[in-house]
């Protein structure tokens, strides 16, 4: 679970660096904001599940679904905040950051050594 979050953090920095090299500073910041809109709620969700799993009886399905709903709501809120607060948004870089970070979960599932 934390492995996937670590891969998402690495993917965020990589896509921000590539966007910065290709399209400049605003694109790098936009890609970073897109990646962080995914990474921050996912890391809080992973911490919540970890804490729930330590309780007697483990994590319940209800706590998983509540956490998932909170994660989606936080992602939408962070994206809305980024869109309204950062006026020089490079939208293609933001979307690239979102997609790359979301697909980093597949790398966590496919790699057993990491």
N, C-alpha and C. Protein backbone atom coordinates (compact mmCIF):
# COMPACT_ATOMS: atom_id res chain seq x y z
N UNK A 1 0.83 -1.18 0.00
CA UNK A 1 0.00 0.00 0.00
C UNK A 1 0.88 1.25 0.00
N UNK A 2 1.88 1.29 0.87
CA UNK A 2 2.78 2.44 0.88
C UNK A 2 3.73 2.41 -0.31
N UNK A 3 3.96 1.23 -0.86
CA UNK A 3 4.78 1.09 -2.05
C UNK A 3 4.15 1.82 -3.23
N UNK A 4 2.85 1.69 -3.36
CA UNK A 4 2.13 2.37 -4.43
C UNK A 4 2.20 3.88 -4.26
N UNK A 5 2.09 4.36 -3.04
CA UNK A 5 2.18 5.80 -2.79
C UNK A 5 3.59 6.31 -3.10
N UNK A 6 4.60 5.53 -2.75
CA UNK A 6 5.97 5.91 -3.07
C UNK A 6 6.18 5.99 -4.58
N UNK A 7 5.67 5.02 -5.30
CA UNK A 7 5.77 5.07 -6.77
C UNK A 7 5.03 6.27 -7.34
N UNK A 8 3.91 6.63 -6.74
CA UNK A 8 3.18 7.80 -7.20
C UNK A 8 3.97 9.09 -6.95
N UNK A 9 4.66 9.16 -5.83
CA UNK A 9 5.48 10.34 -5.54
C UNK A 9 6.61 10.45 -6.55
N UNK A 10 7.27 9.33 -6.82
CA UNK A 10 8.34 9.33 -7.82
C UNK A 10 7.80 9.72 -9.19
N UNK A 11 6.64 9.18 -9.56
CA UNK A 11 6.03 9.51 -10.85
C UNK A 11 5.67 10.99 -10.93
N UNK A 12 5.24 11.57 -9.82
CA UNK A 12 4.91 13.00 -9.80
C UNK A 12 6.14 13.84 -10.12
N UNK A 13 7.25 13.53 -9.48
CA UNK A 13 8.47 14.30 -9.74
C UNK A 13 8.99 14.08 -11.15
N UNK A 14 8.89 12.86 -11.66
CA UNK A 14 9.37 12.58 -13.02
C UNK A 14 8.54 13.32 -14.05
N UNK A 15 7.22 13.26 -13.93
CA UNK A 15 6.36 13.93 -14.92
C UNK A 15 6.50 15.45 -14.80
N UNK A 16 6.71 15.96 -13.61
CA UNK A 16 6.93 17.41 -13.46
C UNK A 16 8.24 17.83 -14.10
N UNK A 17 9.27 17.01 -13.93
CA UNK A 17 10.56 17.34 -14.56
C UNK A 17 10.46 17.30 -16.08
N UNK A 18 9.79 16.30 -16.61
CA UNK A 18 9.64 16.20 -18.06
C UNK A 18 8.80 17.36 -18.59
N UNK A 19 7.71 17.68 -17.90
CA UNK A 19 6.88 18.80 -18.33
C UNK A 19 7.65 20.11 -18.26
N UNK A 20 8.48 20.26 -17.24
CA UNK A 20 9.29 21.46 -17.13
C UNK A 20 10.30 21.59 -18.25
N UNK A 21 10.90 20.48 -18.63
CA UNK A 21 11.87 20.51 -19.73
C UNK A 21 11.19 20.80 -21.07
N UNK A 22 10.00 20.26 -21.26
CA UNK A 22 9.31 20.41 -22.54
C UNK A 22 8.56 21.74 -22.69
N UNK A 23 7.96 22.21 -21.60
CA UNK A 23 7.07 23.37 -21.74
C UNK A 23 7.33 24.49 -20.73
N UNK A 24 8.31 24.36 -19.88
CA UNK A 24 8.64 25.46 -18.98
C UNK A 24 8.13 25.29 -17.55
N UNK A 25 8.38 26.34 -16.79
CA UNK A 25 8.10 26.33 -15.35
C UNK A 25 6.62 26.13 -15.04
N UNK A 26 5.73 26.82 -15.74
CA UNK A 26 4.29 26.70 -15.47
C UNK A 26 3.81 25.28 -15.70
N UNK A 27 4.35 24.61 -16.71
CA UNK A 27 3.96 23.23 -16.97
C UNK A 27 4.47 22.31 -15.86
N UNK A 28 5.67 22.57 -15.36
CA UNK A 28 6.20 21.75 -14.27
C UNK A 28 5.35 21.89 -13.01
N UNK A 29 4.98 23.12 -12.69
CA UNK A 29 4.13 23.34 -11.52
C UNK A 29 2.75 22.71 -11.72
N UNK A 30 2.21 22.83 -12.93
CA UNK A 30 0.90 22.25 -13.21
C UNK A 30 0.93 20.73 -13.10
N UNK A 31 1.96 20.10 -13.64
CA UNK A 31 2.09 18.65 -13.53
C UNK A 31 2.27 18.22 -12.08
N UNK A 32 3.02 19.00 -11.32
CA UNK A 32 3.20 18.70 -9.90
C UNK A 32 1.87 18.83 -9.15
N UNK A 33 1.10 19.85 -9.46
CA UNK A 33 -0.20 20.01 -8.82
C UNK A 33 -1.14 18.86 -9.18
N UNK A 34 -1.12 18.44 -10.43
CA UNK A 34 -1.94 17.31 -10.84
C UNK A 34 -1.55 16.03 -10.13
N UNK A 35 -0.25 15.79 -10.01
CA UNK A 35 0.22 14.61 -9.31
C UNK A 35 -0.09 14.65 -7.82
N UNK A 36 0.12 15.81 -7.23
CA UNK A 36 -0.14 15.93 -5.79
C UNK A 36 -1.62 15.83 -5.45
N UNK A 37 -2.49 16.20 -6.40
CA UNK A 37 -3.92 16.05 -6.17
C UNK A 37 -4.31 14.58 -6.04
N UNK A 38 -3.49 13.70 -6.57
CA UNK A 38 -3.72 12.26 -6.44
C UNK A 38 -2.94 11.69 -5.25
N UNK A 39 -1.69 12.11 -5.10
CA UNK A 39 -0.80 11.53 -4.09
C UNK A 39 -1.25 11.84 -2.67
N UNK A 40 -1.63 13.08 -2.41
CA UNK A 40 -2.00 13.45 -1.03
C UNK A 40 -3.20 12.68 -0.51
N UNK A 41 -4.32 12.63 -1.25
CA UNK A 41 -5.44 11.82 -0.74
C UNK A 41 -5.11 10.32 -0.65
N UNK A 42 -4.31 9.81 -1.61
CA UNK A 42 -3.95 8.40 -1.56
C UNK A 42 -3.08 8.09 -0.34
N UNK A 43 -2.18 8.99 0.01
CA UNK A 43 -1.34 8.73 1.17
C UNK A 43 -2.16 8.78 2.46
N UNK A 44 -3.10 9.70 2.54
CA UNK A 44 -3.97 9.74 3.72
C UNK A 44 -4.86 8.50 3.79
N UNK A 45 -5.32 8.03 2.64
CA UNK A 45 -6.14 6.82 2.60
C UNK A 45 -5.31 5.60 3.04
N UNK A 46 -4.06 5.53 2.58
CA UNK A 46 -3.19 4.42 2.97
C UNK A 46 -2.91 4.45 4.47
N UNK A 47 -2.68 5.63 5.02
CA UNK A 47 -2.47 5.75 6.47
C UNK A 47 -3.72 5.35 7.24
N UNK A 48 -4.87 5.75 6.74
CA UNK A 48 -6.13 5.39 7.40
C UNK A 48 -6.36 3.88 7.38
N UNK A 49 -6.11 3.26 6.24
CA UNK A 49 -6.27 1.80 6.16
C UNK A 49 -5.26 1.08 7.05
N UNK A 50 -4.04 1.61 7.11
CA UNK A 50 -3.03 1.01 7.97
C UNK A 50 -3.46 1.07 9.44
N UNK A 51 -3.98 2.24 9.83
CA UNK A 51 -4.44 2.39 11.22
C UNK A 51 -5.64 1.48 11.49
N UNK A 52 -6.55 1.38 10.53
CA UNK A 52 -7.72 0.51 10.70
C UNK A 52 -7.33 -0.96 10.78
N UNK A 53 -6.31 -1.35 10.04
CA UNK A 53 -5.89 -2.75 10.05
C UNK A 53 -5.23 -3.15 11.36
N UNK A 54 -4.74 -2.19 12.11
CA UNK A 54 -4.12 -2.47 13.40
C UNK A 54 -5.14 -2.65 14.52
N UNK A 55 -6.37 -2.27 14.27
CA UNK A 55 -7.41 -2.43 15.28
C UNK A 55 -7.79 -3.91 15.40
N UNK A 56 -8.31 -4.32 16.55
CA UNK A 56 -8.78 -5.70 16.67
C UNK A 56 -9.92 -5.96 15.68
N UNK A 57 -9.81 -7.02 14.94
CA UNK A 57 -10.81 -7.34 13.93
C UNK A 57 -10.46 -6.81 12.55
N UNK A 58 -9.46 -5.94 12.46
CA UNK A 58 -9.02 -5.43 11.16
C UNK A 58 -9.94 -4.37 10.60
N UNK A 59 -9.64 -4.00 9.38
CA UNK A 59 -10.42 -2.97 8.69
C UNK A 59 -11.71 -3.57 8.16
N UNK A 60 -12.76 -2.81 8.23
CA UNK A 60 -14.05 -3.28 7.72
C UNK A 60 -14.26 -2.74 6.31
N UNK A 61 -15.20 -3.35 5.62
CA UNK A 61 -15.52 -2.90 4.27
C UNK A 61 -16.12 -1.49 4.30
N UNK A 62 -16.87 -1.20 5.33
CA UNK A 62 -17.47 0.13 5.45
C UNK A 62 -16.41 1.21 5.59
N UNK A 63 -15.38 0.94 6.39
CA UNK A 63 -14.31 1.94 6.55
C UNK A 63 -13.54 2.11 5.25
N UNK A 64 -13.40 1.04 4.47
CA UNK A 64 -12.74 1.14 3.17
C UNK A 64 -13.54 2.06 2.24
N UNK A 65 -14.85 1.84 2.16
CA UNK A 65 -15.67 2.64 1.25
C UNK A 65 -15.79 4.09 1.69
N UNK A 66 -15.84 4.32 3.00
CA UNK A 66 -15.85 5.70 3.49
C UNK A 66 -14.53 6.38 3.16
N UNK A 67 -13.43 5.67 3.35
CA UNK A 67 -12.12 6.22 3.01
C UNK A 67 -11.97 6.49 1.53
N UNK A 68 -12.50 5.60 0.72
CA UNK A 68 -12.44 5.79 -0.74
C UNK A 68 -13.27 7.00 -1.16
N UNK A 69 -14.44 7.18 -0.56
CA UNK A 69 -15.26 8.35 -0.86
C UNK A 69 -14.53 9.63 -0.46
N UNK A 70 -13.91 9.62 0.72
CA UNK A 70 -13.16 10.79 1.18
C UNK A 70 -11.98 11.07 0.26
N UNK A 71 -11.35 10.03 -0.25
CA UNK A 71 -10.22 10.19 -1.16
C UNK A 71 -10.66 10.86 -2.46
N UNK A 72 -11.76 10.41 -3.02
CA UNK A 72 -12.27 10.99 -4.27
C UNK A 72 -12.69 12.44 -4.04
N UNK A 73 -13.37 12.70 -2.93
CA UNK A 73 -13.80 14.07 -2.63
C UNK A 73 -12.60 14.99 -2.42
N UNK A 74 -11.57 14.51 -1.75
CA UNK A 74 -10.37 15.33 -1.54
C UNK A 74 -9.64 15.59 -2.85
N UNK A 75 -9.61 14.60 -3.74
CA UNK A 75 -8.97 14.79 -5.05
C UNK A 75 -9.70 15.85 -5.85
N UNK A 76 -11.02 15.79 -5.87
CA UNK A 76 -11.81 16.79 -6.59
C UNK A 76 -11.61 18.18 -5.98
N UNK A 77 -11.58 18.26 -4.66
CA UNK A 77 -11.38 19.54 -3.99
C UNK A 77 -9.99 20.11 -4.29
N UNK A 78 -8.97 19.26 -4.28
CA UNK A 78 -7.62 19.74 -4.58
C UNK A 78 -7.49 20.20 -6.03
N UNK A 79 -8.12 19.49 -6.94
CA UNK A 79 -8.09 19.92 -8.34
C UNK A 79 -8.83 21.24 -8.53
N UNK A 80 -9.96 21.40 -7.87
CA UNK A 80 -10.70 22.67 -7.95
C UNK A 80 -9.89 23.81 -7.35
N UNK A 81 -9.22 23.55 -6.24
CA UNK A 81 -8.39 24.58 -5.62
C UNK A 81 -7.22 24.94 -6.52
N UNK A 82 -6.59 23.94 -7.12
CA UNK A 82 -5.47 24.22 -8.02
C UNK A 82 -5.92 25.03 -9.23
N UNK A 83 -7.07 24.69 -9.77
CA UNK A 83 -7.58 25.41 -10.95
C UNK A 83 -7.94 26.85 -10.62
N UNK A 84 -8.45 27.08 -9.43
CA UNK A 84 -8.87 28.44 -9.08
C UNK A 84 -7.72 29.30 -8.54
N UNK A 85 -6.73 28.69 -7.92
CA UNK A 85 -5.66 29.46 -7.30
C UNK A 85 -4.44 29.67 -8.19
N UNK A 86 -4.18 28.75 -9.08
CA UNK A 86 -3.00 28.87 -9.95
C UNK A 86 -3.46 29.35 -11.32
N UNK A 87 -3.30 30.62 -11.57
CA UNK A 87 -3.83 31.24 -12.78
C UNK A 87 -3.06 30.87 -14.04
N UNK A 88 -1.80 30.50 -13.92
CA UNK A 88 -0.98 30.17 -15.08
C UNK A 88 -0.97 28.66 -15.35
N UNK A 89 -2.10 28.02 -15.13
CA UNK A 89 -2.21 26.56 -15.27
C UNK A 89 -1.95 26.13 -16.71
N UNK A 90 -1.11 25.14 -16.86
CA UNK A 90 -0.88 24.49 -18.15
C UNK A 90 -1.69 23.20 -18.10
N UNK A 91 -2.85 23.21 -18.75
CA UNK A 91 -3.84 22.16 -18.57
C UNK A 91 -3.36 20.80 -19.08
N UNK A 92 -2.63 20.79 -20.17
CA UNK A 92 -2.13 19.52 -20.69
C UNK A 92 -1.16 18.87 -19.70
N UNK A 93 -0.32 19.68 -19.08
CA UNK A 93 0.62 19.15 -18.09
C UNK A 93 -0.11 18.65 -16.85
N UNK A 94 -1.16 19.37 -16.44
CA UNK A 94 -1.95 18.91 -15.29
C UNK A 94 -2.58 17.56 -15.57
N UNK A 95 -3.16 17.42 -16.74
CA UNK A 95 -3.80 16.14 -17.10
C UNK A 95 -2.75 15.04 -17.24
N UNK A 96 -1.59 15.38 -17.80
CA UNK A 96 -0.51 14.39 -17.90
C UNK A 96 -0.06 13.94 -16.51
N UNK A 97 0.05 14.88 -15.59
CA UNK A 97 0.40 14.53 -14.22
C UNK A 97 -0.62 13.62 -13.58
N UNK A 98 -1.89 13.92 -13.80
CA UNK A 98 -2.95 13.07 -13.26
C UNK A 98 -2.87 11.64 -13.81
N UNK A 99 -2.75 11.55 -15.13
CA UNK A 99 -2.76 10.23 -15.77
C UNK A 99 -1.54 9.40 -15.38
N UNK A 100 -0.37 10.02 -15.41
CA UNK A 100 0.85 9.27 -15.08
C UNK A 100 0.82 8.78 -13.64
N UNK A 101 0.39 9.63 -12.73
CA UNK A 101 0.36 9.23 -11.32
C UNK A 101 -0.71 8.16 -11.07
N UNK A 102 -1.83 8.26 -11.75
CA UNK A 102 -2.85 7.21 -11.60
C UNK A 102 -2.35 5.88 -12.16
N UNK A 103 -1.58 5.91 -13.23
CA UNK A 103 -1.07 4.67 -13.82
C UNK A 103 0.12 4.11 -13.05
N UNK A 104 0.70 4.89 -12.16
CA UNK A 104 1.81 4.38 -11.34
C UNK A 104 1.35 3.25 -10.44
N UNK A 105 0.05 3.20 -10.12
CA UNK A 105 -0.47 2.09 -9.32
C UNK A 105 -0.31 0.76 -10.05
N UNK A 106 -0.43 0.80 -11.37
CA UNK A 106 -0.23 -0.43 -12.14
C UNK A 106 1.20 -0.94 -12.01
N UNK A 107 2.15 -0.03 -11.96
CA UNK A 107 3.54 -0.45 -11.77
C UNK A 107 3.73 -1.11 -10.41
N UNK A 108 3.04 -0.60 -9.41
CA UNK A 108 3.13 -1.22 -8.08
C UNK A 108 2.56 -2.62 -8.09
N UNK A 109 1.49 -2.82 -8.84
CA UNK A 109 0.90 -4.15 -8.91
C UNK A 109 1.77 -5.11 -9.72
N UNK A 110 2.40 -4.59 -10.77
CA UNK A 110 3.19 -5.45 -11.65
C UNK A 110 4.57 -5.76 -11.09
N UNK A 111 5.10 -4.87 -10.28
CA UNK A 111 6.46 -5.11 -9.76
C UNK A 111 6.38 -5.72 -8.37
N UNK A 112 6.95 -6.89 -8.24
CA UNK A 112 6.94 -7.56 -6.93
C UNK A 112 8.25 -7.34 -6.20
N UNK A 113 9.27 -6.90 -6.91
CA UNK A 113 10.56 -6.68 -6.28
C UNK A 113 10.62 -5.35 -5.54
N UNK A 114 9.86 -4.37 -5.98
CA UNK A 114 9.96 -3.04 -5.40
C UNK A 114 9.26 -2.96 -4.08
